[in-house]
Amino acid sequence: MGKRQIYVETVIDADLDRVWAATQDPAQHVRWDVRFSSITPGPPDADGSTPFRYVRRTPVHTVRGTGVSTGERHGRDGSRTSALRFATDDVLSPIRAGRGYWRYVPTADGRTRFVTGYDYDPGWGPLDLVVRPLLGWATAYSFDRLRLWLETGREPERWPLACALAFWRPDRPRASRTLRAPAGGTRAGDHLKEAPVTLAALPDPARRSPR
């Protein structure tokens, strides 16, 4: 995996159930997450994990890949987690294979702390020095897009990527509203050390696919 992992954290003024529903349902997930165009899950496996196919369309190329995810609804502290692995054999993809997690932590005032940490094998060699910061920014932009949706009711589709340039719109999503490292940590830290144990148990998605 890469030398610098990606971490993004935000606090959403919505309860954990609402954040969980907006992020765990693939049809809702792709509405706010600019990193995906579509996610198609397959039937869950006996171990509770779910294989899926994903697509990312751009004007010049469409990347397709597979993945597997699993969720844990009830942590001892009231939190929830989900973990995933993903991979593609598309030689034009900037990402070949990756792994990561989402963590949902209820706060004392009824909000939800939403966190991700992930890493990947780069597909573009030295150009990953440019790609990785862009992916981190896109993740942060997406998290703020999700936050605005759940807090204001404004649908995420009204905020395409081009809105990032609309500096005269203070109500637009902003990556800068998120945290890019844990409190007291740095962007260069090991952001997978807090991953749920379910991540290590997930199979290699390159060797399986949704049925």
C-alpha atoms as a PDB file:
ATOM      1  CA  MET A   1       0.000   0.000   0.000  1.00  0.00           C
ATOM      2  CA  GLY A   2       0.968   3.638  -0.357  1.00  0.00           C
ATOM      3  CA  LYS A   3       3.229   5.563   2.000  1.00  0.00           C
ATOM      4  CA  ARG A   4       0.593   8.100   3.058  1.00  0.00           C
ATOM      5  CA  GLN A   5      -2.828   6.755   3.912  1.00  0.00           C
ATOM      6  CA  ILE A   6      -5.978   8.840   3.570  1.00  0.00           C
ATOM      7  CA  TYR A   7      -7.988   9.964   6.599  1.00  0.00           C
ATOM      8  CA  VAL A   8     -11.106  12.125   6.703  1.00  0.00           C
ATOM      9  CA  GLU A   9     -13.349  12.954   9.656  1.00  0.00           C
ATOM     10  CA  THR A  10     -16.467  15.058  10.045  1.00  0.00           C
ATOM     11  CA  VAL A  11     -19.222  15.540  12.616  1.00  0.00           C
ATOM     12  CA  ILE A  12     -22.763  15.451  11.240  1.00  0.00           C
ATOM     13  CA  ASP A  13     -25.756  16.939  13.034  1.00  0.00           C
ATOM     14  CA  ALA A  14     -27.808  13.767  12.525  1.00  0.00           C
ATOM     15  CA  ASP A  15     -28.230  10.618  14.567  1.00  0.00           C
ATOM     16  CA  LEU A  16     -26.245   7.503  13.826  1.00  0.00           C
ATOM     17  CA  ASP A  17     -29.146   5.667  12.172  1.00  0.00           C
ATOM     18  CA  ARG A  18     -29.558   8.394   9.539  1.00  0.00           C
ATOM     19  CA  VAL A  19     -25.849   8.500   8.733  1.00  0.00           C
ATOM     20  CA  TRP A  20     -25.708   4.707   8.574  1.00  0.00           C
ATOM     21  CA  ALA A  21     -28.651   4.561   6.155  1.00  0.00           C
ATOM     22  CA  ALA A  22     -27.200   7.231   3.859  1.00  0.00           C
ATOM     23  CA  THR A  23     -23.831   5.510   3.643  1.00  0.00           C
ATOM     24  CA  GLN A  24     -24.575   1.775   3.758  1.00  0.00           C
ATOM     25  CA  ASP A  25     -27.266   1.761   1.054  1.00  0.00           C
ATOM     26  CA  PRO A  26     -25.351   1.673  -2.277  1.00  0.00           C
ATOM     27  CA  ALA A  27     -28.060   3.701  -4.042  1.00  0.00           C
ATOM     28  CA  GLN A  28     -27.695   6.477  -1.455  1.00  0.00           C
ATOM     29  CA  HIS A  29     -23.924   6.171  -1.180  1.00  0.00           C
ATOM     30  CA  VAL A  30     -23.273   7.084  -4.822  1.00  0.00           C
ATOM     31  CA  ARG A  31     -25.474  10.174  -4.504  1.00  0.00           C
ATOM     32  CA  TRP A  32     -22.975  11.988  -2.259  1.00  0.00           C
ATOM     33  CA  ASP A  33     -19.652  10.200  -2.879  1.00  0.00           C
ATOM     34  CA  VAL A  34     -17.977  11.625  -5.992  1.00  0.00           C
ATOM     35  CA  ARG A  35     -15.544   8.704  -6.093  1.00  0.00           C
ATOM     36  CA  PHE A  36     -18.223   6.327  -7.412  1.00  0.00           C
ATOM     37  CA  SER A  37     -20.747   6.433 -10.254  1.00  0.00           C
ATOM     38  CA  SER A  38     -22.522   3.197  -9.330  1.00  0.00           C
ATOM     39  CA  ILE A  39     -22.249   0.362  -6.805  1.00  0.00           C
ATOM     40  CA  THR A  40     -24.039  -2.933  -7.408  1.00  0.00           C
ATOM     41  CA  PRO A  41     -24.058  -5.384  -4.504  1.00  0.00           C
ATOM     42  CA  GLY A  42     -24.311  -9.128  -4.876  1.00  0.00           C
ATOM     43  CA  PRO A  43     -25.995 -11.597  -2.487  1.00  0.00           C
ATOM     44  CA  PRO A  44     -24.428 -11.645   0.991  1.00  0.00           C
ATOM     45  CA  ASP A  45     -22.110 -14.539   1.739  1.00  0.00           C
ATOM     46  CA  ALA A  46     -22.431 -16.950   4.646  1.00  0.00           C
ATOM     47  CA  ASP A  47     -19.910 -14.952   6.674  1.00  0.00           C
ATOM     48  CA  GLY A  48     -22.063 -11.815   6.396  1.00  0.00           C
ATOM     49  CA  SER A  49     -19.831  -9.987   3.920  1.00  0.00           C
ATOM     50  CA  THR A  50     -21.267  -8.587   0.694  1.00  0.00           C
ATOM     51  CA  PRO A  51     -19.484  -8.638  -2.676  1.00  0.00           C
ATOM     52  CA  PHE A  52     -20.099  -5.718  -5.019  1.00  0.00           C
ATOM     53  CA  ARG A  53     -19.170  -4.218  -8.353  1.00  0.00           C
ATOM     54  CA  TYR A  54     -18.329  -0.542  -8.704  1.00  0.00           C
ATOM     55  CA  VAL A  55     -18.056   1.883 -11.606  1.00  0.00           C
ATOM     56  CA  ARG A  56     -16.408   5.293 -11.882  1.00  0.00           C
ATOM     57  CA  ARG A  57     -17.206   7.149 -15.086  1.00  0.00           C
ATOM     58  CA  THR A  58     -15.231  10.102 -16.408  1.00  0.00           C
ATOM     59  CA  PRO A  59     -15.483  11.907 -19.760  1.00  0.00           C
ATOM     60  CA  VAL A  60     -12.457   9.990 -21.039  1.00  0.00           C
ATOM     61  CA  HIS A  61     -12.659   6.559 -19.408  1.00  0.00           C
ATOM     62  CA  THR A  62     -14.814   4.286 -17.246  1.00  0.00           C
ATOM     63  CA  VAL A  63     -13.178   2.227 -14.492  1.00  0.00           C
ATOM     64  CA  ARG A  64     -14.860  -0.957 -13.298  1.00  0.00           C
ATOM     65  CA  GLY A  65     -13.871  -3.058 -10.328  1.00  0.00           C
ATOM     66  CA  THR A  66     -15.023  -5.443  -7.628  1.00  0.00           C
ATOM     67  CA  GLY A  67     -15.032  -5.340  -3.865  1.00  0.00           C
ATOM     68  CA  VAL A  68     -16.286  -6.910  -0.686  1.00  0.00           C
ATOM     69  CA  SER A  69     -17.612  -5.176   2.423  1.00  0.00           C
ATOM     70  CA  THR A  70     -18.897  -6.016   5.860  1.00  0.00           C
ATOM     71  CA  GLY A  71     -20.604  -3.996   8.584  1.00  0.00           C
ATOM     72  CA  GLU A  72     -20.832  -4.255  12.358  1.00  0.00           C
ATOM     73  CA  ARG A  73     -23.974  -2.652  13.646  1.00  0.00           C
ATOM     74  CA  HIS A  74     -23.359  -2.720  17.391  1.00  0.00           C
ATOM     75  CA  GLY A  75     -20.033  -1.786  18.947  1.00  0.00           C
ATOM     76  CA  ARG A  76     -19.615  -1.913  22.712  1.00  0.00           C
ATOM     77  CA  ASP A  77     -19.422   1.886  22.899  1.00  0.00           C
ATOM     78  CA  GLY A  78     -22.499   2.404  20.709  1.00  0.00           C
ATOM     79  CA  SER A  79     -20.381   2.933  17.605  1.00  0.00           C
ATOM     80  CA  ARG A  80     -20.615   1.042  14.324  1.00  0.00           C
ATOM     81  CA  THR A  81     -18.047   0.170  11.718  1.00  0.00           C
ATOM     82  CA  SER A  82     -17.865  -1.104   8.181  1.00  0.00           C
ATOM     83  CA  ALA A  83     -14.839  -2.384   6.297  1.00  0.00           C
ATOM     84  CA  LEU A  84     -14.128  -3.002   2.635  1.00  0.00           C
ATOM     85  CA  ARG A  85     -11.557  -4.190   0.158  1.00  0.00           C
ATOM     86  CA  PHE A  86     -11.671  -3.369  -3.542  1.00  0.00           C
ATOM     87  CA  ALA A  87      -9.671  -4.049  -6.684  1.00  0.00           C
ATOM     88  CA  THR A  88      -9.617  -3.520 -10.433  1.00  0.00           C
ATOM     89  CA  ASP A  89      -7.537  -4.956 -13.275  1.00  0.00           C
ATOM     90  CA  ASP A  90      -8.027  -1.796 -15.358  1.00  0.00           C
ATOM     91  CA  VAL A  91      -4.528  -0.649 -16.296  1.00  0.00           C
ATOM     92  CA  LEU A  92      -5.780   2.927 -16.702  1.00  0.00           C
ATOM     93  CA  SER A  93      -7.138   3.147 -13.162  1.00  0.00           C
ATOM     94  CA  PRO A  94      -5.125   5.298 -10.734  1.00  0.00           C
ATOM     95  CA  ILE A  95      -6.060   2.760  -8.020  1.00  0.00           C
ATOM     96  CA  ARG A  96      -5.397  -0.972  -8.388  1.00  0.00           C
ATOM     97  CA  ALA A  97      -6.424  -2.410  -5.008  1.00  0.00           C
ATOM     98  CA  GLY A  98      -7.270  -0.914  -1.658  1.00  0.00           C
ATOM     99  CA  ARG A  99      -8.742  -1.410   1.773  1.00  0.00           C
ATOM    100  CA  GLY A 100     -10.338   0.808   4.367  1.00  0.00           C
ATOM    101  CA  TYR A 101     -13.073   1.383   6.907  1.00  0.00           C
ATOM    102  CA  TRP A 102     -15.815   3.723   8.049  1.00  0.00           C
ATOM    103  CA  ARG A 103     -16.468   4.386  11.721  1.00  0.00           C
ATOM    104  CA  TYR A 104     -19.649   5.922  13.136  1.00  0.00           C
ATOM    105  CA  VAL A 105     -19.448   7.287  16.678  1.00  0.00           C
ATOM    106  CA  PRO A 106     -22.468   8.860  18.422  1.00  0.00           C
ATOM    107  CA  THR A 107     -21.661  12.036  20.352  1.00  0.00           C
ATOM    108  CA  ALA A 108     -23.117  13.114  23.664  1.00  0.00           C
ATOM    109  CA  ASP A 109     -25.185  15.837  21.970  1.00  0.00           C
ATOM    110  CA  GLY A 110     -26.894  13.493  19.499  1.00  0.00           C
ATOM    111  CA  ARG A 111     -24.629  14.031  16.498  1.00  0.00           C
ATOM    112  CA  THR A 112     -22.468  11.481  14.669  1.00  0.00           C
ATOM    113  CA  ARG A 113     -18.723  11.507  14.215  1.00  0.00           C
ATOM    114  CA  PHE A 114     -18.066   9.913  10.814  1.00  0.00           C
ATOM    115  CA  VAL A 115     -14.520   8.748  10.038  1.00  0.00           C
ATOM    116  CA  THR A 116     -12.746   6.959   7.213  1.00  0.00           C
ATOM    117  CA  GLY A 117      -9.233   5.629   6.836  1.00  0.00           C
ATOM    118  CA  TYR A 118      -7.995   3.857   3.722  1.00  0.00           C
ATOM    119  CA  ASP A 119      -5.013   3.039   1.583  1.00  0.00           C
ATOM    120  CA  TYR A 120      -4.450   1.624  -1.893  1.00  0.00           C
ATOM    121  CA  ASP A 121      -1.898   0.342  -4.374  1.00  0.00           C
ATOM    122  CA  PRO A 122      -1.308   3.082  -6.960  1.00  0.00           C
ATOM    123  CA  GLY A 123      -1.804   2.354 -10.631  1.00  0.00           C
ATOM    124  CA  TRP A 124       0.089   5.306 -12.067  1.00  0.00           C
ATOM    125  CA  GLY A 125       3.472   4.915 -10.420  1.00  0.00           C
ATOM    126  CA  PRO A 126       5.168   8.243  -9.557  1.00  0.00           C
ATOM    127  CA  LEU A 127       2.050  10.148 -10.624  1.00  0.00           C
ATOM    128  CA  ASP A 128       0.463   8.981  -7.384  1.00  0.00           C
ATOM    129  CA  LEU A 129       2.203  11.984  -5.804  1.00  0.00           C
ATOM    130  CA  VAL A 130      -0.524  13.992  -7.551  1.00  0.00           C
ATOM    131  CA  VAL A 131      -3.346  11.435  -7.492  1.00  0.00           C
ATOM    132  CA  ARG A 132      -3.265  10.693  -3.748  1.00  0.00           C
ATOM    133  CA  PRO A 133      -3.820  14.298  -2.572  1.00  0.00           C
ATOM    134  CA  LEU A 134      -6.637  14.629  -5.115  1.00  0.00           C
ATOM    135  CA  LEU A 135      -8.311  11.472  -3.825  1.00  0.00           C
ATOM    136  CA  GLY A 136      -7.984  12.742  -0.271  1.00  0.00           C
ATOM    137  CA  TRP A 137      -9.566  16.022  -1.309  1.00  0.00           C
ATOM    138  CA  ALA A 138     -12.388  14.218  -3.171  1.00  0.00           C
ATOM    139  CA  THR A 139     -13.092  12.109  -0.086  1.00  0.00           C
ATOM    140  CA  ALA A 140     -13.230  15.204   2.118  1.00  0.00           C
ATOM    141  CA  TYR A 141     -15.452  17.051  -0.382  1.00  0.00           C
ATOM    142  CA  SER A 142     -17.798  14.057  -0.432  1.00  0.00           C
ATOM    143  CA  PHE A 143     -17.969  13.915   3.358  1.00  0.00           C
ATOM    144  CA  ASP A 144     -18.995  17.564   3.535  1.00  0.00           C
ATOM    145  CA  ARG A 145     -21.494  16.962   0.737  1.00  0.00           C
ATOM    146  CA  LEU A 146     -23.021  14.194   2.865  1.00  0.00           C
ATOM    147  CA  ARG A 147     -23.062  16.425   5.939  1.00  0.00           C
ATOM    148  CA  LEU A 148     -24.879  19.218   4.131  1.00  0.00           C
ATOM    149  CA  TRP A 149     -27.441  16.778   2.768  1.00  0.00           C
ATOM    150  CA  LEU A 150     -28.309  15.311   6.152  1.00  0.00           C
ATOM    151  CA  GLU A 151     -28.251  18.644   7.984  1.00  0.00           C
ATOM    152  CA  THR A 152     -30.090  20.848   5.484  1.00  0.00           C
ATOM    153  CA  GLY A 153     -32.092  18.425   3.324  1.00  0.00           C
ATOM    154  CA  ARG A 154     -30.512  19.838   0.168  1.00  0.00           C
ATOM    155  CA  GLU A 155     -29.947  16.922  -2.163  1.00  0.00           C
ATOM    156  CA  PRO A 156     -26.282  16.164  -2.910  1.00  0.00           C
ATOM    157  CA  GLU A 157     -26.877  16.175  -6.665  1.00  0.00           C
ATOM    158  CA  ARG A 158     -27.141  19.960  -6.530  1.00  0.00           C
ATOM    159  CA  TRP A 159     -23.455  20.059  -5.606  1.00  0.00           C
ATOM    160  CA  PRO A 160     -21.450  18.456  -8.463  1.00  0.00           C
ATOM    161  CA  LEU A 161     -17.674  18.694  -8.404  1.00  0.00           C
ATOM    162  CA  ALA A 162     -17.763  21.938 -10.376  1.00  0.00           C
ATOM    163  CA  CYS A 163     -19.335  23.620  -7.342  1.00  0.00           C
ATOM    164  CA  ALA A 164     -15.975  23.400  -5.612  1.00  0.00           C
ATOM    165  CA  LEU A 165     -14.971  26.370  -7.776  1.00  0.00           C
ATOM    166  CA  ALA A 166     -18.022  28.439  -6.840  1.00  0.00           C
ATOM    167  CA  PHE A 167     -16.136  30.463  -4.237  1.00  0.00           C
ATOM    168  CA  TRP A 168     -18.992  32.976  -4.021  1.00  0.00           C
ATOM    169  CA  ARG A 169     -21.270  30.245  -2.569  1.00  0.00           C
ATOM    170  CA  PRO A 170     -20.542  29.923   1.158  1.00  0.00           C
ATOM    171  CA  ASP A 171     -23.155  27.163   1.390  1.00  0.00           C
ATOM    172  CA  ARG A 172     -21.326  24.828  -1.013  1.00  0.00           C
ATOM    173  CA  PRO A 173     -19.491  21.699   0.182  1.00  0.00           C
ATOM    174  CA  ARG A 174     -15.922  22.314   1.256  1.00  0.00           C
ATOM    175  CA  ALA A 175     -13.217  19.764   1.876  1.00  0.00           C
ATOM    176  CA  SER A 176     -11.657  22.220   4.322  1.00  0.00           C
ATOM    177  CA  ARG A 177     -14.540  21.713   6.761  1.00  0.00           C
ATOM    178  CA  THR A 178     -13.333  18.180   7.491  1.00  0.00           C
ATOM    179  CA  LEU A 179     -10.378  16.919   9.486  1.00  0.00           C
ATOM    180  CA  ARG A 180      -7.630  15.256   7.450  1.00  0.00           C
ATOM    181  CA  ALA A 181      -5.877  13.698  10.439  1.00  0.00           C
ATOM    182  CA  PRO A 182      -7.050  12.481  13.862  1.00  0.00           C
ATOM    183  CA  ALA A 183      -6.894  14.895  16.771  1.00  0.00           C
ATOM    184  CA  GLY A 184      -3.276  15.074  17.879  1.00  0.00           C
ATOM    185  CA  GLY A 185      -2.103  13.131  14.812  1.00  0.00           C
ATOM    186  CA  THR A 186      -0.703  13.938  11.380  1.00  0.00           C
ATOM    187  CA  ARG A 187      -1.651  13.115   7.811  1.00  0.00           C
ATOM    188  CA  ALA A 188       1.409  10.889   7.609  1.00  0.00           C
ATOM    189  CA  GLY A 189       0.230   8.667  10.484  1.00  0.00           C
ATOM    190  CA  ASP A 190      -0.962   5.074  10.316  1.00  0.00           C
ATOM    191  CA  HIS A 191      -4.664   5.635   9.750  1.00  0.00           C
ATOM    192  CA  LEU A 192      -5.465   1.932   9.462  1.00  0.00           C
ATOM    193  CA  LYS A 193      -4.268   1.079  12.962  1.00  0.00           C
ATOM    194  CA  GLU A 194      -7.791   1.823  14.247  1.00  0.00           C
ATOM    195  CA  ALA A 195      -9.458  -0.287  11.560  1.00  0.00           C
ATOM    196  CA  PRO A 196     -11.971  -2.851  12.792  1.00  0.00           C
ATOM    197  CA  VAL A 197     -10.816  -6.460  13.038  1.00  0.00           C
ATOM    198  CA  THR A 198     -13.326  -7.317  10.311  1.00  0.00           C
ATOM    199  CA  LEU A 199     -11.059  -5.642   7.739  1.00  0.00           C
ATOM    200  CA  ALA A 200      -8.304  -8.226   8.191  1.00  0.00           C
ATOM    201  CA  ALA A 201     -10.811 -11.053   7.716  1.00  0.00           C
ATOM    202  CA  LEU A 202     -12.131  -9.840   4.358  1.00  0.00           C
ATOM    203  CA  PRO A 203     -11.087 -11.954   1.342  1.00  0.00           C
ATOM    204  CA  ASP A 204      -9.205 -10.615  -1.655  1.00  0.00           C
ATOM    205  CA  PRO A 205     -11.890  -9.178  -3.988  1.00  0.00           C
ATOM    206  CA  ALA A 206      -9.730  -9.869  -7.014  1.00  0.00           C
ATOM    207  CA  ARG A 207     -10.373 -13.577  -6.441  1.00  0.00           C
ATOM    208  CA  ARG A 208     -14.136 -13.350  -6.119  1.00  0.00           C
ATOM    209  CA  SER A 209     -16.977 -11.407  -7.677  1.00  0.00           C
ATOM    210  CA  PRO A 210     -20.710 -10.804  -7.072  1.00  0.00           C
ATOM    211  CA  ARG A 211     -22.948 -13.535  -8.351  1.00  0.00           C
END
